[in-house]
Structures are given as structure tokens and as C-alpha cells.
Amino acid sequence: MWLTALATIAKRTGYPVVERAGWKTRGRAPMSGAKSIICHHTAGGPSGNYPSLGVVQNGRAGLPGPLANYGLGRDGTIYVIAAGRANHAGVVDTTAHSNSYAIGIEAENTGRGEKWSNAQMDAYAKLCRELCDHYGIPISQVRGHKEVARPKGRKPDPSFDMAAFRKMVKARKGTGGSSSTTTGGSSGGTYKTVAYGKTLGKWDKGDPVRDWQDFLVDQGHKLKVDGYFGDDTVKATKSYQKKVGVKADGLAGTDTWAKAKADGFTWKRKPKASAPKSDPFPLPKGHFYYTEDPRNTVHSGYWEKDRAAIRKIQKAVGANPDGRYGPNTKSKVQAKQRKLGVTADGAIGATTWSKLF
């Protein structure tokens, strides 16, 4: 998912917001979710409002950018840098704090005894609170890099007390929404995972949506394939529906799929159904079911223990299920074997059994 609501969220703080060109598509990859917020300081220069902007956005030798989703200037200005995954966390204690799930904020501070301004700390706390409210992140998951980096002691940032900072975040009253916004969607609702075979519509998410978005892109619609059925996907769906002459309701269901399949649409991410497992052949290796025979490998129903399996065979080939393997059963088995493409010898060994069951 691409966190394209980051600018909207930042503006709710009341502090100045600078949207960096290309931020909505900047990132190492899409985010896998938004489960935590990791606070950093830049350890940058002592002068200027946000001298580390170039490094945070573009990276440095050995570490490609972006290095955070947000930057935070000394005066409280919020820089929106990347909607995708940023290289800010490194090795951490848990997946929820990794780059794929953690929103990174790099606040300008030398980290060498520089005092944090009241405006910067207030903006930091308000931004974290707005993010928590919007994405449903617990305030307990507003973490300092120094708290989550591994091995312990690897990172010193940020240079303020995180327990006290979380209290500041809690004390700030959020103003914003309660749902994720991605390039596929819009704010105001909660996305729910949808199963294959269900009609797709706004607020659905998952692989069925990705498959549908792939198709819409192939049809010429400009759309990010993020698996979230939001406003952009609704608009593209309606456009396609108008083109093919079905009700333009923005819902991808049976009528729309029928038209789409004629245009090459497939559920390409749908898991393939596993082939049903054959019932195990009940006899020892080399044994088989057949008409009465002096060989000790032949099972004709003379022994009662074989009769249940023989009845099963007889039902499968259309013979009288009496549990005794007689000439009629042999004849029916041969006919079935011909249809199955196996040797028509009238005997049921492991090969024919596996074809039948």
C-alpha cells in the first residue's frame, strides 16, 4: 500500500506542510501496512531549518533513499517525503517495527545536546497523534529508534525521553480520520479483505482487487495496483462498464466480469485448487481385486474383510454391489478401464484404483 494520505494527515496538525515532488510514488516498495511509528533525529548540521532534506529524500552512500516518510524541521514544518517503504529502521526487534510496517519520521536535530524547540516537539507529538488516529496505531507503538533497533544500543535517537513523549502524544487531541487512504482509495471507511468470487466494490482489499486493477491498467486506466478498491478504482471500473455497456455502478460483479473475461481478464492470483487426494489402495503391494483365483495375491471377496472395498469398486463401475468379484464385475471393470485409458484386464490394482478414487 502507498500511504498517499500522509500530506492530509500532516495538515491536520496546523503546522506548515511541504509536499516534496513525487512523494506519492517515492519508496523502495509499497508499504505492507501501517502498524507503528518510529521517531528519529537526523544528526545533521546545526544551522538551517531542515538541512538534512536532501539526504533523507535521496539517501547517502551505502543507503539509498528515501530514509523516512516524513521530515520535521526545527520550526515544526513537516516535509512529506515518501508514501512507500523507506530505509529508516534497519535491524529491529519485531516485524511491526520494520521498514515495511513502520512510518519513519526524521526530525532535524544534531543529537549532540541540541535543545528541541517547543514548536518542533509540539509538531512531532501532534503528527504522531494524527497518524495514530488515522491508521489505528496504538500510541504504545510510537517508538524511538533507540528502543527498537537491534542489537540494543545500536541507535541513540531520538535524543529525548520516549516515555514522556508518548504521554505528549496521548495528551494531543487528534482531529482526523480513522481509516487508511491509499492510491486505490479515499478516506472515510475501513477496508476489509474480500474473497475470490465476491462482487468487488469500494472499501474491499486483497488479491481479487489487485487482479481487477491489473486488468483495468491493461485497459489503459492510470491506476496503481495496490489491492485497495478506493475512489480511483471505482472511477476506472465505471469507465470500463460504460465502455462495454453494463450498468456503471462501480461494482465489479458477474455482468462486468463476463465482459472483462471476453477482454482477457483472469483471476491470476487466485490459488489453484489442489487435486483431491486418491483414497489409498487398501491391499499390499502386488495384490489386486479379481475373480476367484488360486493365487494368494487375488482378492475376490472370499474374505469378508475385502467385501467393503469390492462394493466400492462395483458402485464405481456400475456393477451389482454384492461384495463378490464375479464375471459381471470383471466385465464392468474392463469397460471402465477402457474409458480411463488403462490396461483393460478386468483386475483392480493400485493403478486402476487411483484412477477410480
Protein backbone atom coordinates (compact mmCIF):
# COMPACT_ATOMS: atom_id res chain seq x y z
CA MET A 1 0.00 0.00 0.00
CA TRP A 2 1.11 3.56 -0.70
CA LEU A 3 0.36 5.98 2.13
CA THR A 4 -1.00 8.77 -0.03
CA ALA A 5 -2.87 10.36 2.88
CA LEU A 6 0.37 11.49 4.55
CA ALA A 7 0.02 15.11 3.42
CA THR A 8 -3.62 15.30 4.50
CA ILE A 9 -2.69 13.88 7.89
CA ALA A 10 0.19 16.33 8.32
CA LYS A 11 -2.03 19.30 7.52
CA ARG A 12 -4.32 18.38 10.40
CA THR A 13 -1.55 19.35 12.84
CA GLY A 14 -1.87 23.03 11.89
CA TYR A 15 1.86 23.26 11.13
CA PRO A 16 3.29 24.19 7.72
CA VAL A 17 3.47 21.26 5.31
CA VAL A 18 5.84 20.94 2.35
CA GLU A 19 4.99 18.20 -0.13
CA ARG A 20 8.11 17.07 -1.94
CA ALA A 21 7.65 16.47 -5.66
CA GLY A 22 6.97 12.82 -6.41
CA TRP A 23 6.35 11.81 -2.80
CA LYS A 24 3.21 9.79 -3.61
CA THR A 25 5.23 7.29 -5.62
CA ARG A 26 8.53 7.54 -3.77
CA GLY A 27 9.62 4.49 -1.80
CA ARG A 28 11.69 1.33 -2.03
CA ALA A 29 8.41 -0.58 -2.50
CA PRO A 30 4.81 -0.28 -1.30
CA MET A 31 4.25 -0.47 2.44
CA SER A 32 2.84 -3.74 3.74
CA GLY A 33 0.78 -1.88 6.33
CA ALA A 34 0.96 0.84 8.99
CA LYS A 35 1.50 -0.72 12.40
CA SER A 36 3.94 1.62 14.13
CA ILE A 37 5.70 4.99 14.03
CA ILE A 38 9.48 5.17 14.50
CA CYS A 39 10.90 8.51 15.69
CA HIS A 40 14.41 9.58 14.68
CA HIS A 41 16.69 12.57 14.75
CA THR A 42 18.83 13.35 11.71
CA ALA A 43 22.19 14.01 13.43
CA GLY A 44 22.55 16.68 10.75
CA GLY A 45 24.04 20.16 10.71
CA PRO A 46 23.42 22.73 13.46
CA SER A 47 22.11 25.51 11.23
CA GLY A 48 19.09 25.85 9.00
CA ASN A 49 15.56 24.57 9.39
CA TYR A 50 15.96 21.21 7.67
CA PRO A 51 19.45 20.88 6.19
CA SER A 52 19.15 17.09 6.03
CA LEU A 53 16.33 17.13 3.48
CA GLY A 54 18.45 16.03 0.52
CA VAL A 55 19.93 13.08 2.39
CA VAL A 56 16.61 11.99 3.89
CA GLN A 57 14.93 12.10 0.50
CA ASN A 58 17.70 10.73 -1.72
CA GLY A 59 19.85 8.65 0.61
CA ARG A 60 23.59 8.53 1.12
CA ALA A 61 26.49 6.30 0.16
CA GLY A 62 25.60 2.73 1.01
CA LEU A 63 21.99 3.50 1.89
CA PRO A 64 19.60 4.53 -0.89
CA GLY A 65 16.71 6.87 -0.15
CA PRO A 66 14.18 7.63 0.92
CA LEU A 67 15.34 7.40 4.53
CA ALA A 68 11.99 8.42 6.07
CA ASN A 69 8.39 9.07 5.16
CA TYR A 70 8.39 12.49 6.85
CA GLY A 71 10.95 15.10 7.71
CA LEU A 72 10.42 17.56 10.56
CA GLY A 73 12.09 20.96 10.59
CA ARG A 74 13.29 22.84 13.64
CA ASP A 75 10.36 25.26 13.40
CA GLY A 76 7.76 22.48 13.16
CA THR A 77 7.48 22.44 9.36
CA ILE A 78 6.54 18.95 8.17
CA TYR A 79 8.12 17.65 4.95
CA VAL A 80 6.16 14.90 3.20
CA ILE A 81 8.84 12.77 1.52
CA ALA A 82 7.65 9.26 0.68
CA ALA A 83 4.40 7.28 0.59
CA GLY A 84 6.22 3.98 0.23
CA ARG A 85 8.72 2.00 2.22
CA ALA A 86 11.70 3.99 3.49
CA ASN A 87 15.11 2.80 4.69
CA HIS A 88 14.96 4.09 8.24
CA ALA A 89 14.65 1.22 10.71
CA GLY A 90 17.35 -1.31 9.89
CA VAL A 91 17.50 -4.40 12.08
CA VAL A 92 14.72 -4.18 14.67
CA ASP A 93 13.08 -6.23 17.40
CA THR A 94 9.87 -7.17 15.60
CA THR A 95 8.24 -7.11 12.17
CA ALA A 96 5.79 -4.38 13.23
CA HIS A 97 8.77 -2.02 13.62
CA SER A 98 10.36 -2.91 10.28
CA ASN A 99 10.50 -0.63 7.25
CA SER A 100 7.52 -2.40 5.68
CA TYR A 101 5.19 -1.58 8.57
CA ALA A 102 6.70 1.45 10.35
CA ILE A 103 6.20 5.07 9.35
CA GLY A 104 9.54 6.82 9.77
CA ILE A 105 9.91 10.46 10.89
CA GLU A 106 13.34 12.12 10.73
CA ALA A 107 13.36 15.30 12.84
CA GLU A 108 16.19 17.77 12.43
CA ASN A 109 18.50 17.75 15.44
CA THR A 110 22.23 17.30 15.79
CA GLY A 111 21.78 14.71 18.53
CA ARG A 112 24.71 16.27 20.36
CA GLY A 113 22.97 18.16 23.10
CA GLU A 114 20.90 20.45 20.90
CA LYS A 115 17.74 21.62 22.64
CA TRP A 116 14.48 20.73 20.95
CA SER A 117 12.26 23.76 20.31
CA ASN A 118 8.74 23.82 21.72
CA ALA A 119 7.28 24.15 18.22
CA GLN A 120 9.21 21.15 16.92
CA MET A 121 8.22 18.94 19.84
CA ASP A 122 4.59 20.01 19.61
CA ALA A 123 4.51 19.33 15.87
CA TYR A 124 6.22 15.97 16.43
CA ALA A 125 3.63 14.92 19.03
CA LYS A 126 0.68 16.19 17.00
CA LEU A 127 1.88 14.45 13.85
CA CYS A 128 2.25 11.16 15.70
CA ARG A 129 -1.21 11.53 17.22
CA GLU A 130 -2.81 12.24 13.86
CA LEU A 131 -1.06 9.20 12.37
CA CYS A 132 -2.24 7.03 15.24
CA ASP A 133 -5.83 8.19 14.84
CA HIS A 134 -5.81 7.82 11.08
CA TYR A 135 -4.23 4.38 10.80
CA GLY A 136 -5.44 2.93 14.09
CA ILE A 137 -1.92 2.67 15.51
CA PRO A 138 -1.78 2.32 19.31
CA ILE A 139 0.15 5.13 21.00
CA SER A 140 2.28 2.41 22.58
CA GLN A 141 3.59 1.78 19.06
CA VAL A 142 5.06 5.27 18.78
CA ARG A 143 8.61 4.12 19.34
CA GLY A 144 12.05 5.63 19.31
CA HIS A 145 14.66 4.16 17.01
CA LYS A 146 16.78 3.60 20.10
CA GLU A 147 14.01 1.43 21.56
CA VAL A 148 13.54 -0.91 18.62
CA ALA A 149 16.97 -1.12 16.96
CA ARG A 150 18.88 -4.35 17.47
CA PRO A 151 21.29 -5.11 18.92
CA LYS A 152 20.27 -2.90 21.82
CA GLY A 153 22.29 0.27 21.99
CA ARG A 154 22.90 0.33 18.23
CA LYS A 155 21.00 3.63 17.83
CA PRO A 156 20.73 6.66 20.17
CA ASP A 157 17.88 8.53 18.50
CA PRO A 158 15.84 10.45 19.21
CA SER A 159 17.60 12.35 21.97
CA PHE A 160 14.55 12.79 24.18
CA ASP A 161 12.71 10.52 26.60
CA MET A 162 10.26 8.34 24.68
CA ALA A 163 8.03 7.50 27.64
CA ALA A 164 7.49 11.23 28.26
CA PHE A 165 6.98 11.78 24.54
CA ARG A 166 4.25 9.15 24.36
CA LYS A 167 2.46 10.99 27.13
CA MET A 168 2.66 14.14 24.99
CA VAL A 169 1.19 12.23 22.04
CA LYS A 170 -1.62 10.93 24.21
CA ALA A 171 -2.37 14.43 25.51
CA ARG A 172 -2.76 15.82 21.98
CA LYS A 173 -6.28 15.58 20.65
CA GLY A 174 -6.40 14.20 17.14
CA THR A 175 -8.63 15.82 14.54
CA GLY A 176 -8.53 13.38 11.70
CA GLY A 177 -9.93 10.26 10.18
CA SER A 178 -9.85 6.67 11.24
CA SER A 179 -9.01 4.81 8.07
CA SER A 180 -6.17 4.17 5.68
CA THR A 181 -6.03 6.03 2.40
CA THR A 182 -4.11 4.51 -0.49
CA THR A 183 -3.76 5.27 -4.15
CA GLY A 184 -6.68 3.00 -4.81
CA GLY A 185 -8.96 4.61 -2.31
CA SER A 186 -10.10 7.53 -0.24
CA SER A 187 -10.54 8.31 3.43
CA GLY A 188 -13.67 7.76 5.43
CA GLY A 189 -14.13 3.99 5.52
CA THR A 190 -12.46 0.81 6.63
CA TYR A 191 -11.01 -1.61 4.11
CA LYS A 192 -11.96 -5.27 4.51
CA THR A 193 -10.38 -8.28 2.87
CA VAL A 194 -12.57 -9.75 0.14
CA ALA A 195 -12.61 -13.35 -1.07
CA TYR A 196 -12.48 -14.56 -4.64
CA GLY A 197 -15.94 -14.94 -6.15
CA LYS A 198 -17.43 -11.97 -4.28
CA THR A 199 -18.55 -8.78 -6.01
CA LEU A 200 -15.82 -6.17 -5.64
CA GLY A 201 -16.59 -2.64 -4.55
CA LYS A 202 -15.38 0.33 -2.56
CA TRP A 203 -13.54 -0.50 0.69
CA ASP A 204 -12.62 -4.02 -0.46
CA LYS A 205 -8.98 -5.06 -0.39
CA GLY A 206 -6.92 -8.09 -1.29
CA ASP A 207 -5.67 -10.13 -4.25
CA PRO A 208 -9.03 -10.15 -6.08
CA VAL A 209 -8.83 -6.35 -6.16
CA ARG A 210 -5.23 -6.48 -7.40
CA ASP A 211 -6.28 -8.80 -10.23
CA TRP A 212 -9.08 -6.41 -11.18
CA GLN A 213 -6.74 -3.40 -11.00
CA ASP A 214 -4.22 -5.20 -13.23
CA PHE A 215 -6.95 -5.65 -15.81
CA LEU A 216 -8.03 -2.01 -15.62
CA VAL A 217 -4.43 -0.89 -16.12
CA ASP A 218 -4.21 -3.18 -19.15
CA GLN A 219 -7.34 -1.43 -20.43
CA GLY A 220 -5.49 1.87 -20.34
CA HIS A 221 -6.55 3.29 -16.96
CA LYS A 222 -3.93 5.05 -14.89
CA LEU A 223 -4.16 3.23 -11.60
CA LYS A 224 -1.75 1.93 -9.00
CA VAL A 225 -2.16 -1.78 -8.37
CA ASP A 226 -2.21 -1.73 -4.56
CA GLY A 227 -5.10 -4.08 -3.78
CA TYR A 228 -7.34 -1.36 -2.31
CA PHE A 229 -10.67 -0.65 -4.04
CA GLY A 230 -10.98 3.08 -3.48
CA ASP A 231 -12.15 6.09 -5.44
CA ASP A 232 -9.64 5.68 -8.28
CA THR A 233 -10.63 2.06 -8.79
CA VAL A 234 -14.34 2.92 -8.62
CA LYS A 235 -13.82 5.60 -11.30
CA ALA A 236 -11.87 3.24 -13.56
CA THR A 237 -14.47 0.49 -13.08
CA LYS A 238 -17.32 2.81 -14.06
CA SER A 239 -15.40 3.93 -17.12
CA TYR A 240 -14.89 0.33 -18.22
CA GLN A 241 -18.54 -0.52 -17.54
CA LYS A 242 -19.70 2.35 -19.73
CA LYS A 243 -17.37 1.18 -22.47
CA VAL A 244 -18.75 -2.38 -22.50
CA GLY A 245 -22.40 -1.46 -21.96
CA VAL A 246 -23.17 -2.74 -18.48
CA LYS A 247 -24.55 -0.83 -15.51
CA ALA A 248 -21.92 1.73 -14.48
CA ASP A 249 -22.23 1.28 -10.71
CA GLY A 250 -18.55 0.95 -9.92
CA LEU A 251 -19.05 -2.62 -8.65
CA ALA A 252 -17.12 -5.42 -10.31
CA GLY A 253 -19.53 -8.34 -10.33
CA THR A 254 -20.86 -11.10 -12.58
CA ASP A 255 -22.02 -8.94 -15.50
CA THR A 256 -18.85 -6.87 -15.52
CA TRP A 257 -16.61 -9.95 -15.21
CA ALA A 258 -18.36 -11.61 -18.16
CA LYS A 259 -17.44 -8.65 -20.36
CA ALA A 260 -13.96 -8.44 -18.87
CA LYS A 261 -13.23 -12.13 -19.46
CA ALA A 262 -14.02 -11.61 -23.13
CA ASP A 263 -11.33 -8.90 -22.99
CA GLY A 264 -8.80 -11.25 -21.42
CA PHE A 265 -9.44 -10.81 -17.70
CA THR A 266 -8.30 -13.65 -15.43
CA TRP A 267 -8.00 -14.20 -11.68
CA LYS A 268 -4.27 -14.64 -11.94
CA ARG A 269 -3.51 -14.57 -8.21
CA LYS A 270 -6.28 -16.98 -7.24
CA PRO A 271 -4.79 -20.05 -5.52
CA LYS A 272 -5.15 -23.15 -7.60
CA ALA A 273 -7.39 -25.80 -6.10
CA SER A 274 -5.33 -28.77 -5.02
CA ALA A 275 -6.19 -32.03 -6.72
CA PRO A 276 -8.27 -34.28 -4.48
CA LYS A 277 -6.16 -36.95 -2.88
CA SER A 278 -6.80 -40.51 -4.04
CA ASP A 279 -8.04 -42.96 -1.45
CA PRO A 280 -5.07 -45.17 -0.60
CA PHE A 281 -5.11 -48.59 -2.25
CA PRO A 282 -6.13 -50.98 0.55
CA LEU A 283 -4.14 -54.05 -0.50
CA PRO A 284 -0.45 -54.90 -0.11
CA LYS A 285 1.91 -54.23 -2.99
CA GLY A 286 1.37 -56.74 -5.82
CA HIS A 287 -2.14 -57.71 -4.68
CA PHE A 288 -5.29 -56.93 -6.65
CA TYR A 289 -9.06 -57.43 -6.81
CA TYR A 290 -10.19 -60.03 -9.36
CA THR A 291 -12.38 -63.05 -9.89
CA GLU A 292 -11.67 -66.07 -7.69
CA ASP A 293 -8.20 -67.42 -8.38
CA PRO A 294 -5.82 -69.78 -6.52
CA ARG A 295 -3.12 -67.09 -6.36
CA ASN A 296 -2.75 -65.63 -2.88
CA THR A 297 -2.44 -62.12 -4.36
CA VAL A 298 -6.03 -62.22 -5.65
CA HIS A 299 -8.90 -60.79 -3.56
CA SER A 300 -12.30 -61.84 -4.87
CA GLY A 301 -14.47 -61.26 -1.83
CA TYR A 302 -13.91 -64.72 -0.41
CA TRP A 303 -12.71 -62.99 2.74
CA GLU A 304 -15.27 -60.73 4.32
CA LYS A 305 -12.64 -58.07 5.03
CA ASP A 306 -12.32 -57.42 1.26
CA ARG A 307 -16.00 -57.01 0.54
CA ALA A 308 -16.39 -53.33 1.53
CA ALA A 309 -13.69 -52.32 -0.98
CA ILE A 310 -15.20 -54.56 -3.67
CA ARG A 311 -18.63 -52.97 -3.12
CA LYS A 312 -16.98 -49.58 -3.56
CA ILE A 313 -15.47 -50.76 -6.87
CA GLN A 314 -18.79 -52.20 -8.01
CA LYS A 315 -20.60 -48.92 -7.33
CA ALA A 316 -17.94 -47.02 -9.24
CA VAL A 317 -18.21 -49.22 -12.35
CA GLY A 318 -21.98 -49.79 -12.26
CA ALA A 319 -21.99 -53.44 -11.15
CA ASN A 320 -24.27 -55.02 -8.55
CA PRO A 321 -22.65 -54.16 -5.17
CA ASP A 322 -22.78 -57.62 -3.63
CA GLY A 323 -19.18 -57.63 -2.42
CA ARG A 324 -18.16 -60.59 -4.59
CA TYR A 325 -15.88 -60.05 -7.59
CA GLY A 326 -17.59 -62.17 -10.26
CA PRO A 327 -17.67 -62.18 -14.08
CA ASN A 328 -20.15 -59.30 -14.26
CA THR A 329 -17.96 -57.12 -12.09
CA LYS A 330 -14.91 -58.05 -14.20
CA SER A 331 -16.76 -57.06 -17.38
CA LYS A 332 -17.86 -53.72 -15.94
CA VAL A 333 -14.32 -53.04 -14.72
CA GLN A 334 -12.90 -53.74 -18.18
CA ALA A 335 -15.33 -51.29 -19.76
CA LYS A 336 -14.37 -48.66 -17.20
CA GLN A 337 -10.66 -49.30 -17.72
CA ARG A 338 -11.03 -48.66 -21.44
CA LYS A 339 -12.60 -45.28 -20.69
CA LEU A 340 -9.84 -44.48 -18.22
CA GLY A 341 -7.10 -45.41 -20.67
CA VAL A 342 -5.54 -48.14 -18.57
CA THR A 343 -4.95 -51.81 -19.37
CA ALA A 344 -8.39 -53.46 -19.63
CA ASP A 345 -7.54 -56.69 -17.81
CA GLY A 346 -10.58 -56.61 -15.53
CA ALA A 347 -8.41 -56.52 -12.40
CA ILE A 348 -8.30 -53.66 -9.91
CA GLY A 349 -4.75 -52.98 -8.87
CA ALA A 350 -3.19 -49.82 -7.50
CA THR A 351 -3.19 -48.07 -10.90
CA THR A 352 -6.87 -48.56 -11.71
CA TRP A 353 -7.81 -47.86 -8.11
CA SER A 354 -6.06 -44.46 -8.22
CA LYS A 355 -7.94 -43.60 -11.43
CA LEU A 356 -11.28 -44.57 -9.88
CA PHE A 357 -10.77 -42.97 -6.47
